[in-house]
Protein backbone atom coordinates (compact mmCIF):
# COMPACT_ATOMS: atom_id res chain seq x y z
CA MET A 1 27.04 185.72 8.67
CA PRO A 2 30.37 187.57 8.87
CA ALA A 3 28.52 190.61 10.22
CA THR A 4 27.12 188.47 13.01
CA LYS A 5 30.57 187.21 13.92
CA ARG A 6 31.97 190.75 13.96
CA TYR A 7 29.10 191.80 16.21
CA ARG A 8 29.75 188.97 18.69
CA TYR A 9 33.46 189.71 18.72
CA SER A 10 32.72 193.37 19.40
CA VAL A 11 30.43 192.48 22.32
CA LEU A 12 33.03 190.13 23.85
CA LYS A 13 35.69 192.81 23.46
CA TRP A 14 33.57 195.37 25.27
CA ILE A 15 32.75 192.89 28.04
CA ALA A 16 36.43 191.96 28.45
CA GLY A 17 37.37 195.61 28.48
CA ALA A 18 34.74 196.35 31.10
CA LEU A 19 35.96 193.48 33.30
CA VAL A 20 39.54 194.64 33.01
CA GLY A 21 38.43 198.13 33.86
CA VAL A 22 36.48 196.93 36.89
CA PHE A 23 39.47 194.85 38.01
CA LEU A 24 41.80 197.81 37.65
CA VAL A 25 39.40 200.01 39.58
CA LEU A 26 39.08 197.41 42.37
CA ALA A 27 42.81 196.86 42.42
CA GLY A 28 43.31 200.58 42.64
CA ILE A 29 40.81 200.86 45.45
CA ALA A 30 42.44 197.90 47.25
CA TRP A 31 45.87 199.43 46.82
CA PHE A 32 44.59 202.75 48.08
CA LEU A 33 42.90 201.18 51.09
CA ASN A 34 45.96 199.07 51.80
CA VAL A 35 48.17 202.11 51.70
CA LYS A 36 45.72 204.10 53.79
CA SER A 37 45.13 201.28 56.26
CA ARG A 38 48.81 200.67 57.03
CA PRO A 39 49.49 203.90 58.90
CA MET A 40 46.07 203.65 60.57
CA LEU A 41 46.75 200.05 61.63
CA THR A 42 50.28 200.89 62.72
CA THR A 43 49.03 203.75 64.86
CA ARG A 44 46.16 201.69 66.27
CA ILE A 45 48.42 198.80 67.27
CA LYS A 46 51.01 200.98 68.96
CA THR A 47 48.42 203.13 70.69
CA LEU A 48 46.31 200.18 71.73
CA LEU A 49 49.15 198.26 73.40
CA TYR A 50 50.50 201.37 75.08
CA THR A 51 47.17 202.61 76.44
CA SER A 52 45.62 199.24 77.31
CA THR A 53 48.64 198.31 79.48
CA ASP A 54 48.55 201.56 81.44
CA SER A 55 51.57 202.88 79.49
CA LEU A 56 53.68 199.92 80.65
CA TYR A 57 54.46 198.28 77.30
CA THR A 58 55.53 199.57 73.93
CA ILE A 59 55.70 197.74 70.62
CA SER A 60 58.07 198.39 67.75
CA PHE A 61 58.41 196.82 64.30
CA THR A 62 60.30 197.67 61.15
CA LYS A 63 57.59 197.05 58.56
CA VAL A 64 53.89 196.35 58.26
CA THR A 65 52.18 194.86 55.21
CA THR A 66 48.43 194.56 54.77
CA ASN A 67 45.99 192.85 52.42
CA ILE A 68 42.55 194.47 52.27
CA PHE A 69 40.91 191.46 50.61
CA THR A 70 42.02 188.87 53.18
CA GLY A 71 42.09 191.30 56.09
CA ASN A 72 45.59 190.10 57.01
CA ALA A 73 48.60 192.07 58.20
CA THR A 74 52.20 191.12 58.90
CA LEU A 75 54.58 192.95 61.22
CA GLN A 76 58.32 192.40 60.77
CA ASN A 77 61.01 192.35 63.53
CA VAL A 78 58.61 192.88 66.41
CA LYS A 79 59.65 193.79 69.93
CA ILE A 80 57.37 194.25 72.92
CA VAL A 81 59.21 195.64 75.92
CA PRO A 82 58.22 197.05 79.32
CA ASP A 83 59.06 200.56 80.40
CA GLN A 84 61.06 200.15 83.62
CA ASN A 85 60.47 203.75 84.74
CA ARG A 86 56.73 203.38 84.24
CA TYR A 87 56.88 200.09 86.14
CA LYS A 88 58.40 201.87 89.13
CA GLN A 89 55.64 204.46 88.93
CA LEU A 90 52.97 201.75 88.85
CA ILE A 91 54.56 200.10 91.90
CA ALA A 92 54.26 203.41 93.75
CA LEU A 93 50.63 203.61 92.62
CA LYS A 94 50.10 199.96 93.64
CA ARG A 95 48.91 199.11 90.13
CA ALA A 96 51.94 197.15 88.91
CA PRO A 97 51.59 193.46 87.95
CA ASN A 98 53.78 190.74 89.41
CA ASN A 99 55.10 189.70 85.99
CA LEU A 100 56.97 191.65 83.33
CA TYR A 101 57.25 190.22 79.81
CA THR A 102 59.68 190.90 76.99
CA VAL A 103 58.79 189.47 73.58
CA SER A 104 60.81 189.54 70.38
CA LEU A 105 60.23 187.78 67.05
CA LYS A 106 60.89 188.23 63.36
CA LYS A 107 57.29 188.06 62.22
CA LEU A 108 53.88 188.68 63.78
CA VAL A 109 50.84 187.81 61.68
CA VAL A 110 47.43 189.43 62.19
CA LYS A 111 44.64 187.59 60.39
CA ARG A 112 41.30 189.09 59.34
CA PHE A 113 41.41 192.42 61.16
CA HIS A 114 38.32 193.94 59.41
CA PRO A 115 39.60 197.47 58.67
CA LEU A 116 36.15 198.72 57.57
CA THR A 117 34.69 197.74 60.94
CA LEU A 118 37.57 199.52 62.62
CA TYR A 119 37.00 202.64 60.52
CA ARG A 120 33.17 202.76 60.72
CA GLU A 121 32.33 201.26 64.13
CA ARG A 122 35.56 201.90 66.06
CA LYS A 123 35.81 198.18 66.82
CA LEU A 124 39.14 196.45 66.30
CA GLN A 125 38.17 192.79 65.83
CA LEU A 126 40.90 190.29 64.98
CA GLU A 127 40.36 186.63 64.20
CA GLU A 128 43.89 185.52 65.00
CA VAL A 129 47.26 186.87 66.03
CA LEU A 130 50.19 184.54 65.43
CA PHE A 131 53.54 184.92 67.19
CA ASP A 132 55.82 182.60 65.21
CA LYS A 133 58.88 181.35 67.12
CA PRO A 134 59.02 184.21 69.62
CA GLU A 135 61.55 184.63 72.41
CA VAL A 136 59.67 185.38 75.63
CA THR A 137 61.22 186.36 78.95
CA MET A 138 59.05 186.55 82.06
CA VAL A 139 60.40 188.21 85.20
CA ASN A 140 58.44 187.61 88.39
CA ARG A 141 58.48 189.84 91.44
CA GLN A 142 55.98 189.28 94.23
CA LEU A 143 54.29 192.55 95.19
CA ALA A 144 52.45 192.63 98.51
CA PHE A 145 49.57 194.77 97.24
CA ASN A 146 48.66 192.09 94.67
CA GLU A 147 48.08 189.49 97.37
CA GLY A 148 44.58 188.05 97.10
CA ARG A 149 43.52 190.11 94.11
CA ALA A 150 41.05 188.64 91.61
CA PRO A 151 42.39 187.36 88.25
CA ARG A 152 41.55 190.46 86.29
CA PRO A 153 43.35 193.73 85.46
CA ILE A 154 43.79 196.15 88.34
CA LYS A 155 42.33 198.86 86.13
CA SER A 156 40.16 197.95 83.16
CA PRO A 157 41.99 198.50 79.84
CA TYR A 158 38.69 199.79 78.43
CA GLU A 159 39.23 203.03 80.38
CA PHE A 160 42.41 203.59 78.37
CA ILE A 161 41.02 202.76 74.91
CA SER A 162 37.44 204.04 75.18
CA LYS A 163 38.30 207.39 73.57
CA ASN A 164 39.47 205.64 70.41
CA LEU A 165 37.73 202.25 70.41
CA LYS A 166 34.43 200.78 71.53
CA GLU A 167 35.76 197.26 71.49
CA PHE A 168 38.97 195.34 71.02
CA SER A 169 38.78 191.57 70.57
CA ILE A 170 40.98 188.69 69.36
CA LYS A 171 39.47 185.25 68.86
CA SER A 172 42.80 183.46 69.12
CA ILE A 173 46.36 184.48 70.07
CA ARG A 174 48.84 181.76 69.22
CA PHE A 175 52.45 181.56 70.41
CA ARG A 176 54.04 178.87 68.24
CA ASP A 177 57.44 177.26 69.04
CA VAL A 178 58.16 179.62 71.92
CA SER A 179 61.60 179.96 73.50
CA PHE A 180 60.57 180.80 77.06
CA LYS A 181 62.77 181.97 79.93
CA TYR A 182 61.53 182.51 83.47
CA VAL A 183 63.46 184.71 85.92
CA ASN A 184 62.51 184.66 89.60
CA ASN A 185 63.50 187.99 91.15
CA ASN A 186 62.24 186.91 94.58
CA LEU A 187 65.24 184.68 95.30
CA LYS A 188 68.94 185.42 95.40
CA LYS A 189 71.15 183.56 92.93
CA GLU A 190 68.14 181.92 91.28
CA VAL A 191 69.08 180.16 88.04
CA PRO A 192 66.71 181.20 85.20
CA PHE A 193 64.49 178.43 83.89
CA ALA A 194 64.39 178.05 80.10
CA ILE A 195 62.32 175.88 77.79
CA ASP A 196 61.95 175.68 74.01
CA ASP A 197 59.30 174.45 71.56
CA LEU A 198 56.42 175.58 73.77
CA ASN A 199 53.01 176.28 72.21
CA ILE A 200 50.52 178.62 73.91
CA THR A 201 47.05 179.60 72.73
CA LEU A 202 45.07 182.42 74.35
CA THR A 203 41.37 182.21 73.48
CA ASP A 204 38.79 184.99 73.08
CA LEU A 205 40.46 188.11 74.41
CA LEU A 206 37.86 190.87 74.85
CA VAL A 207 38.22 194.46 75.98
CA ASP A 208 34.93 196.34 76.24
CA SER A 209 32.88 198.07 78.90
CA THR A 210 31.91 194.82 80.69
CA SER A 211 34.67 192.25 80.07
CA ALA A 212 36.87 193.26 83.02
CA GLU A 213 34.12 192.29 85.47
CA ASP A 214 33.09 189.10 83.69
CA PRO A 215 33.56 186.25 86.26
CA THR A 216 33.94 183.66 83.48
CA ARG A 217 37.11 185.38 82.26
CA PHE A 218 40.54 185.62 83.77
CA TYR A 219 42.76 188.43 82.60
CA LEU A 220 40.07 189.19 79.94
CA LEU A 221 40.52 185.69 78.42
CA LYS A 222 38.16 182.74 78.14
CA ASP A 223 40.89 180.13 78.10
CA ILE A 224 44.62 179.40 77.99
CA VAL A 225 45.90 176.24 76.32
CA ILE A 226 49.53 175.14 76.70
CA ASN A 227 51.19 172.34 74.76
CA LEU A 228 54.70 170.92 74.92
CA ASN A 229 55.51 167.93 72.74
CA ASN A 230 58.90 166.89 74.07
CA TYR A 231 61.24 168.44 76.62
CA ALA A 232 64.65 167.27 77.81
CA TYR A 233 66.92 168.87 80.38
CA ARG A 234 70.35 167.63 81.44
CA THR A 235 71.06 168.11 85.14
CA PRO A 236 74.03 170.33 86.04
CA ASP A 237 76.04 167.33 87.33
CA LYS A 238 75.72 165.62 83.89
CA MET A 239 74.40 162.45 85.52
CA TYR A 240 70.71 162.56 84.50
CA ASP A 241 68.33 163.67 81.80
CA ILE A 242 64.91 164.97 82.85
CA LYS A 243 62.34 164.23 80.14
CA LEU A 244 58.74 165.23 79.53
CA GLU A 245 56.64 163.78 76.74
CA GLN A 246 53.44 165.45 75.54
CA LEU A 247 52.33 168.01 78.12
CA ASP A 248 48.86 169.51 77.64
CA PHE A 249 47.14 172.08 79.85
CA ARG A 250 43.79 173.88 79.64
CA ALA A 251 43.16 176.69 82.13
CA SER A 252 39.34 176.65 81.87
CA THR A 253 39.25 173.10 83.28
CA GLY A 254 42.42 173.32 85.39
CA LYS A 255 43.59 170.01 83.90
CA LEU A 256 47.20 169.25 83.06
CA ARG A 257 48.20 165.93 81.47
CA VAL A 258 51.70 164.56 80.95
CA ASN A 259 52.05 161.37 78.95
CA ARG A 260 55.42 160.53 80.51
CA PHE A 261 57.93 161.96 82.97
CA ALA A 262 61.38 160.41 83.37
CA LEU A 263 64.52 160.93 85.39
CA ALA A 264 66.90 158.94 83.18
CA PRO A 265 70.46 158.20 84.38
CA LEU A 266 73.15 158.61 81.73
CA HIS A 267 75.22 155.63 82.95
CA ASP A 268 74.40 152.01 83.75
CA GLU A 269 74.25 150.71 87.32
CA MET A 270 77.86 149.57 87.73
CA ALA A 271 79.35 152.58 85.94
CA PHE A 272 77.27 155.26 87.69
CA GLY A 273 79.20 155.40 90.98
CA LYS A 274 82.55 155.14 89.19
CA VAL A 275 81.70 158.10 86.95
CA ALA A 276 80.46 160.07 89.99
CA GLY A 277 83.71 159.20 91.78
CA TYR A 278 82.08 157.96 94.98
CA ALA A 279 79.31 155.70 96.32
CA ARG A 280 76.18 157.47 95.14
CA GLU A 281 72.62 156.19 94.83
CA ARG A 282 71.41 155.92 91.24
CA PHE A 283 67.75 156.76 90.61
CA ASN A 284 65.82 155.70 87.54
CA ILE A 285 62.26 157.05 87.50
CA SER A 286 59.57 156.80 84.85
CA MET A 287 55.95 157.84 85.40
CA ASN A 288 53.21 157.58 82.79
CA ASP A 289 49.73 159.06 82.56
CA ILE A 290 50.22 161.96 84.98
CA LEU A 291 47.09 164.08 85.42
CA PHE A 292 46.53 167.22 87.50
CA ASN A 293 42.99 168.40 88.25
CA GLY A 294 41.89 171.74 89.62
CA ILE A 295 45.04 173.76 88.95
CA ASP A 296 44.61 177.41 89.94
CA MET A 297 46.05 179.05 86.82
CA PRO A 298 45.54 182.71 87.90
CA LEU A 299 47.39 182.01 91.14
CA TYR A 300 50.26 180.42 89.24
CA ILE A 301 50.48 183.32 86.80
CA SER A 302 50.52 185.96 89.53
CA LYS A 303 52.59 184.24 92.21
CA GLN A 304 54.13 181.09 90.62
CA GLU A 305 52.37 178.95 93.23
CA LEU A 306 51.16 175.56 92.05
CA TRP A 307 47.87 174.67 93.73
CA ALA A 308 46.00 171.59 92.52
CA LYS A 309 43.08 169.64 93.94
CA GLU A 310 44.25 166.28 92.70
CA MET A 311 47.12 164.54 90.97
CA ALA A 312 46.94 161.04 89.50
CA ILE A 313 49.87 158.82 88.51
CA ALA A 314 49.40 155.49 86.76
CA ASN A 315 51.86 152.99 85.35
CA GLY A 316 55.43 153.78 86.32
CA PHE A 317 58.46 152.67 88.28
CA ILE A 318 61.07 153.95 90.71
CA SER A 319 64.40 152.14 90.78
CA VAL A 320 67.14 152.87 93.33
CA PHE A 321 70.59 151.27 93.09
CA SER A 322 73.71 151.65 95.21
CA GLN A 323 77.09 149.95 95.11
CA LYS A 324 79.09 148.99 98.15
CA GLY A 325 82.86 149.07 98.03
CA LEU A 326 83.24 152.47 96.39
CA LYS A 327 84.82 155.27 98.35
CA GLN A 328 82.44 157.44 100.35
CA LYS A 329 82.16 161.10 99.54
CA PRO A 330 83.66 162.93 102.55
CA VAL A 331 80.84 165.49 102.67
CA GLU A 332 78.07 163.02 101.77
CA ASN A 333 75.35 163.60 104.34
CA LYS A 334 71.75 162.56 103.75
CA ILE A 335 70.41 164.11 106.92
CA GLY A 336 67.50 166.36 105.97
CA ARG A 337 66.73 164.47 102.76
CA PHE A 338 63.61 162.50 103.62
CA PRO A 339 60.82 162.94 101.03
CA HIS A 340 58.86 165.48 103.07
CA GLN A 341 62.06 167.40 103.86
CA LEU A 342 63.02 167.59 100.17
CA LEU A 343 59.51 168.87 99.43
CA GLN A 344 60.13 171.80 101.80
CA GLN A 345 63.30 172.67 99.89
CA VAL A 346 61.52 173.12 96.55
CA SER A 347 61.66 176.82 95.69
CA MET A 348 58.21 176.86 94.05
CA PRO A 349 55.29 176.92 96.53
CA ILE A 350 53.28 173.72 96.00
CA LEU A 351 49.99 172.32 97.28
CA VAL A 352 48.48 169.13 95.92
CA GLN A 353 45.54 168.18 98.10
CA LYS A 354 45.50 164.53 97.01
CA ILE A 355 47.83 162.35 94.93
CA GLN A 356 46.41 159.11 93.56
CA VAL A 357 48.95 156.37 92.76
CA LYS A 358 48.09 153.32 90.68
CA ASP A 359 50.24 150.39 89.53
CA VAL A 360 53.71 151.80 90.27
CA GLY A 361 56.69 149.48 90.74
CA ILE A 362 59.47 150.19 93.25
CA ASN A 363 62.84 148.45 93.19
CA TYR A 364 65.65 148.91 95.73
CA ALA A 365 68.95 147.18 94.89
CA VAL A 366 72.47 147.06 96.33
CA TYR A 367 75.61 145.53 94.85
CA ASN A 368 77.64 143.76 97.55
CA THR A 369 81.37 143.39 96.85
CA GLU A 370 81.60 140.61 99.47
CA SER A 371 79.30 138.37 97.47
CA ASN A 372 79.93 140.00 94.08
CA GLN A 373 76.18 139.94 93.55
CA LYS A 374 73.29 142.38 93.43
CA GLY A 375 70.57 142.02 96.01
CA GLN A 376 67.21 143.63 95.46
CA ILE A 377 63.78 143.93 96.96
CA THR A 378 60.78 144.86 94.84
CA PHE A 379 57.35 146.29 95.54
CA GLN A 380 55.00 145.67 92.63
CA HIS A 381 51.62 147.15 91.67
CA THR A 382 51.87 149.89 94.31
CA SER A 383 48.63 151.85 94.64
CA GLY A 384 47.12 154.28 97.12
CA PHE A 385 47.04 158.00 97.90
CA ILE A 386 49.02 160.84 99.44
CA LYS A 387 47.22 163.77 101.08
CA ASN A 388 48.32 167.36 101.70
CA ALA A 389 51.61 167.43 99.77
CA THR A 390 52.69 171.02 100.38
CA ASN A 391 55.53 173.36 101.32
CA ILE A 392 53.33 176.44 101.80
CA GLN A 393 53.61 177.80 105.33
CA SER A 394 50.03 179.08 105.56
CA ILE A 395 48.72 175.61 104.67
CA LYS A 396 51.11 173.92 107.13
CA ASN A 397 49.88 176.24 109.87
CA ILE A 398 46.41 174.77 109.37
CA ASN A 399 47.45 171.16 108.72
CA PRO A 400 51.12 170.19 109.19
CA ILE A 401 50.59 166.51 108.33
CA MET A 402 51.20 164.80 105.00
CA GLU A 403 49.74 161.29 104.96
CA ALA A 404 50.43 158.39 102.60
CA ASN A 405 48.38 155.18 102.50
CA LEU A 406 49.75 152.58 100.09
CA THR A 407 49.13 148.96 99.17
CA THR A 408 51.83 147.00 97.37
CA TRP A 409 53.07 143.44 96.77
CA LEU A 410 56.45 142.43 98.21
CA CYS A 411 58.40 140.61 95.50
CA GLY A 412 55.09 140.07 93.73
CA GLN A 413 53.74 137.79 96.50
CA GLY A 414 53.13 139.24 99.93
CA LYS A 415 50.50 141.97 100.17
CA LEU A 416 51.80 144.95 102.15
CA ASP A 417 49.56 147.68 103.56
CA VAL A 418 51.62 150.61 104.82
CA ASN A 419 50.79 154.04 106.23
CA PHE A 420 53.17 157.02 106.54
CA ILE A 421 52.54 160.14 108.61
CA PHE A 422 54.99 162.97 107.78
CA ASN A 423 55.30 166.04 109.99
CA LEU A 424 55.95 168.87 107.51
CA THR A 425 57.03 171.34 110.19
CA ALA A 426 59.34 169.09 112.25
CA LYS A 427 62.91 170.38 112.21
CA ASP A 428 64.26 166.85 112.82
CA GLY A 429 62.26 165.34 109.92
CA ALA A 430 59.94 163.38 112.21
CA PHE A 431 57.57 160.87 110.64
CA SER A 432 56.02 157.52 111.46
CA TYR A 433 55.26 154.38 109.52
CA ASN A 434 53.22 151.30 110.28
CA GLY A 435 51.79 148.46 108.30
CA THR A 436 51.05 144.78 107.82
CA LEU A 437 52.72 142.31 105.49
CA HIS A 438 50.45 139.35 104.79
CA SER A 439 51.30 135.69 104.09
CA PHE A 440 53.94 134.67 101.53
CA ASN A 441 56.67 132.09 100.94
CA ALA A 442 59.81 133.30 102.71
CA ARG A 443 62.07 131.92 99.97
CA VAL A 444 61.23 134.92 97.75
CA LEU A 445 63.43 136.98 100.08
CA ASN A 446 66.51 135.08 98.89
CA GLN A 447 66.96 137.68 96.18
CA ILE A 448 68.07 140.09 98.89
CA THR A 449 69.19 137.89 101.83
CA LYS A 450 71.70 135.86 99.78
CA PRO A 451 73.63 138.69 98.08
CA LEU A 452 73.49 141.13 100.99
CA GLY A 453 73.25 138.97 104.11
CA LEU A 454 74.92 135.79 102.78
CA VAL A 455 71.92 133.86 104.11
CA ARG A 456 69.81 131.47 102.03
CA ILE A 457 66.30 130.63 103.16
CA ASN A 458 65.84 126.91 102.52
CA ARG A 459 62.21 126.92 103.45
CA GLY A 460 59.71 128.91 105.47
CA ASN A 461 56.26 130.46 105.35
CA VAL A 462 55.29 133.89 106.68
CA ASP A 463 51.86 134.33 108.26
CA GLN A 464 52.14 138.02 109.04
CA LEU A 465 54.59 140.83 109.71
CA LYS A 466 53.25 143.85 111.60
CA PHE A 467 55.38 146.89 112.34
CA ASN A 468 54.98 150.32 113.92
CA PHE A 469 57.83 152.88 113.96
CA LYS A 470 58.51 156.50 114.80
CA ALA A 471 61.51 157.98 113.03
CA ASN A 472 63.52 161.16 112.49
CA ASP A 473 66.92 162.19 111.17
CA LEU A 474 68.71 160.14 113.81
CA GLY A 475 66.98 156.80 113.34
CA ALA A 476 63.84 154.74 113.97
CA LYS A 477 62.30 153.24 117.09
CA GLY A 478 59.39 150.83 117.08
CA THR A 479 58.12 147.28 117.25
CA VAL A 480 58.01 144.32 114.88
CA ALA A 481 55.71 141.32 115.30
CA PHE A 482 56.80 138.53 112.95
CA SER A 483 54.68 135.38 112.68
CA TYR A 484 56.08 132.46 110.62
CA TYR A 485 56.66 128.66 110.64
CA ASP A 486 58.93 125.89 109.23
CA LEU A 487 61.95 128.17 108.83
CA SER A 488 65.35 126.78 107.85
CA VAL A 489 68.35 128.74 106.59
CA ALA A 490 71.84 128.16 105.26
CA LEU A 491 74.80 130.50 105.73
CA MET A 492 76.81 131.24 102.62
CA ARG A 493 80.26 132.43 101.63
CA ASN A 494 81.82 133.54 98.38
CA ASP A 495 84.14 130.96 96.80
CA PRO A 496 86.41 132.74 94.29
CA GLU A 497 87.49 129.43 92.72
CA LYS A 498 83.89 128.42 92.01
CA ASP A 499 82.72 131.97 91.23
CA HIS A 500 79.52 131.60 93.22
CA LEU A 501 78.25 131.39 96.79
CA VAL A 502 78.67 128.09 98.61
CA THR A 503 77.06 126.78 101.79
CA ARG A 504 78.93 126.92 105.09
CA GLY A 505 77.83 123.53 106.36
CA LEU A 506 78.89 123.58 110.02
CA LEU A 507 77.88 127.20 110.56
CA SER A 508 74.52 126.54 108.92
CA PHE A 509 73.98 123.56 111.22
CA LEU A 510 74.91 125.62 114.28
CA ALA A 511 72.71 128.51 113.12
CA ASN A 512 69.65 126.29 112.72
CA ALA A 513 70.37 124.38 115.92
CA LEU A 514 71.35 127.24 118.20
CA ILE A 515 70.07 130.50 116.73
CA ILE A 516 67.23 130.22 114.27
CA LYS A 517 63.78 129.71 115.70
CA SER A 518 61.91 127.54 113.22
CA GLU A 519 58.57 129.04 114.17
CA ASN A 520 57.10 132.08 115.89
CA PRO A 521 55.05 132.00 118.04
CA GLY A 522 56.53 128.93 119.66
CA PRO A 523 54.79 126.07 121.47
CA ASP A 524 53.31 128.48 124.01
CA GLY A 525 51.38 130.25 121.23
CA LYS A 526 52.44 133.74 122.39
CA LEU A 527 53.58 136.29 119.80
CA ILE A 528 55.39 139.13 121.53
CA PRO A 529 56.35 142.20 119.43
CA LEU A 530 60.07 142.91 119.58
CA SER A 531 61.45 146.39 120.16
CA VAL A 532 63.84 147.87 117.61
CA ASN A 533 66.09 150.90 118.06
CA TYR A 534 67.88 151.58 114.79
CA SER A 535 70.51 154.34 114.73
CA ARG A 536 70.77 155.86 111.30
CA PRO A 537 74.21 156.55 109.79
CA ALA A 538 74.34 160.02 108.24
CA ASN A 539 74.80 158.59 104.74
CA THR A 540 71.75 156.30 104.91
CA SER A 541 68.89 157.08 102.55
CA PHE A 542 65.17 157.04 103.33
CA PHE A 543 64.58 153.69 101.59
CA SER A 544 67.62 152.14 103.25
CA MET A 545 66.57 153.25 106.75
CA ILE A 546 63.06 151.80 106.31
CA TRP A 547 64.44 148.49 105.08
CA ARG A 548 67.20 148.21 107.70
CA SER A 549 64.89 149.00 110.61
CA LEU A 550 62.46 146.29 109.47
CA PHE A 551 65.27 143.81 108.77
CA THR A 552 66.64 144.36 112.27
CA GLY A 553 63.24 143.42 113.73
CA ILE A 554 63.03 140.35 111.49
CA LYS A 555 66.50 139.17 112.53
CA TYR A 556 65.62 139.55 116.21
CA SER A 557 62.34 137.71 115.68
CA ILE A 558 63.97 134.65 114.11
CA GLY A 559 66.60 134.58 116.86
CA ILE A 560 69.56 136.39 115.35
CA THR A 561 70.30 138.49 118.41
CA GLU A 562 73.69 139.62 119.65
CA GLU A 563 73.51 137.11 122.51
CA LYS A 564 72.78 134.23 120.15
CA GLN A 565 75.49 135.34 117.76
CA ASN A 566 77.97 135.49 120.65
CA GLU A 567 76.87 132.01 121.70
CA VAL A 568 77.51 130.65 118.22
CA LYS A 569 80.86 132.43 118.13
CA ALA A 570 81.76 130.73 121.42
CA HIS A 571 80.72 127.35 119.96
CA ILE A 572 82.78 128.07 116.86
CA ALA A 573 85.76 129.07 119.01
CA ARG A 574 85.47 125.85 121.05
CA PHE A 575 85.09 123.85 117.84
CA LYS A 576 88.18 125.50 116.37
CA ALA A 577 90.11 124.82 119.59
CA MET A 578 89.00 121.20 119.58
CA ARG A 579 89.89 120.88 115.92
CA GLU A 580 93.28 122.47 116.51
CA SER A 581 93.90 120.14 119.46
CA HIS A 582 92.84 117.18 117.34
CA LEU A 583 95.19 118.20 114.55
CA GLN A 584 98.04 118.65 117.02
CA ARG A 585 97.44 115.20 118.53
CA LYS A 586 97.24 113.71 115.05
CA GLN A 587 100.49 115.41 114.12
CA ARG A 588 102.19 114.10 117.26
CA ARG A 589 100.96 110.56 116.55
CA LEU A 590 102.30 110.84 113.02
CA GLU A 591 105.63 112.07 114.29
CA ARG A 592 105.88 109.16 116.83
CA ARG A 593 105.03 106.63 114.12
CA LEU A 594 107.68 108.02 111.82
CA GLU A 595 110.19 107.97 114.65
CA ARG A 596 109.41 104.29 115.37
CA GLU A 597 109.83 103.43 111.70
CA ARG A 598 113.21 105.13 111.59
CA GLN A 599 114.24 103.34 114.81
CA GLU A 600 113.25 99.96 113.40
CA LYS A 601 115.31 100.60 110.24
CA ARG A 602 118.37 101.45 112.32
CA GLU A 603 118.02 98.29 114.40
CA LYS A 604 117.84 96.09 111.30
CA ARG A 605 121.09 97.52 110.02
């Protein structure tokens, strides 16, 4: 029995020794291959980048570590830089790209690089390359000879690597937590654009004898995926934050989705103008569910031009607030700042063929120091479309018109159908607008007529408001046809002692009796459109000009014309004169009575 145990122990010892020996041999082989593969991999990487980019880029790193079992490699302190002299040579040869990139990072990870395949078959196949927290700078310069070129290398990289490799492929190239800076060398004094925490994934890079001509690839790639979780940028004037939440883009589909975009003011409504130091409109914008379709990614990469077939916006709001009574900025001039004019001032070339809008709220408010109240007008559930939003000259040469057709609800009640026609090439900002406002209770307008016009609508019903205007930088001319009935108003004034608006009884009576037409059309049944010629002050915004031109037509329609106002003023002047005369006669009667009483007292004494 003991002999059997000794025999088993001896067998186990030999087996263990053999396993240890095999492990040591394998470890030795792995170490040897690792050591041998490092200089080979280092040389291959440097040569590959240099030759495949037509000698434009070089890569440097301080250390490379490899693992033969996992097929992984790590490069430390990596820098990829362009050769400026070679770039000038490529420009002369008309082979230079529009973009130059500089990349630096502490660690670059290459996963599963298959060194045996590289050694035996001359194929460098990588599963993944990870750039962890790189700093990337892209400098763009538009070169005329690249105009209209297909999204593929000018000269196939395979021509440069074919002597050493049959194939070079990477399944996935990931840029994680990128600090990205864009420099536009086409404009003078252009401020570089910077963004952090950007994630980019390049899918299925292939360099072989056929990939450069593959129509399903762009720049030898199958796809580009971009992700940005959250982005915030404070405007240079320190008055707003621009925010983006969850941006996702996929080049193969041309779809870009943004969960939320916001222009968020840093101060509340009443503090905004005081912080700015002058009367300045305060914008508060939030748009959700923004989707672009049909983005031309190769065009954007080569020329930084954003072309998209369609853009959709759902669920958002635009709020505009201004405060009267603050000092005006001496140089404040809003001429040239209509929406289509501002679009032409955007430095990036843009074309969006169609913009779909769904369920967007618009609020325009003004604080009036005379009434110490805020008046506002709202447009709820705004939906519709905008066509041909562009600032690209070649597109404007073909079609210079941007059209907007929108349906909204005035103060949540009256349905408003409105159409805008913007001339994108007009130097004076010419555009036109027309529409129809359908039936609603006129009292809903009190939220703007009371604080701003000191007029309360007691009752009234609107059948229809139709308008048609042509406008430019100087103002708006057009017609307003306003159909309504049973209208009665009251004029108001601010009573500081009561801290609210009170009715001006006599003036209200005179207004209803002498000015206000209670219905339109009148007994004759004829509704005649009234002409409006509104001259725009230089500091009037787009929203304000639209509203004021319409309000002028409404005032004229209900009878508030200059002639009628002068007539009421004459009545008020006569009333004041009569009242003054009455008070004087009353005072004289009082004085005579007092004199008689004094005389009677003297006679009794």
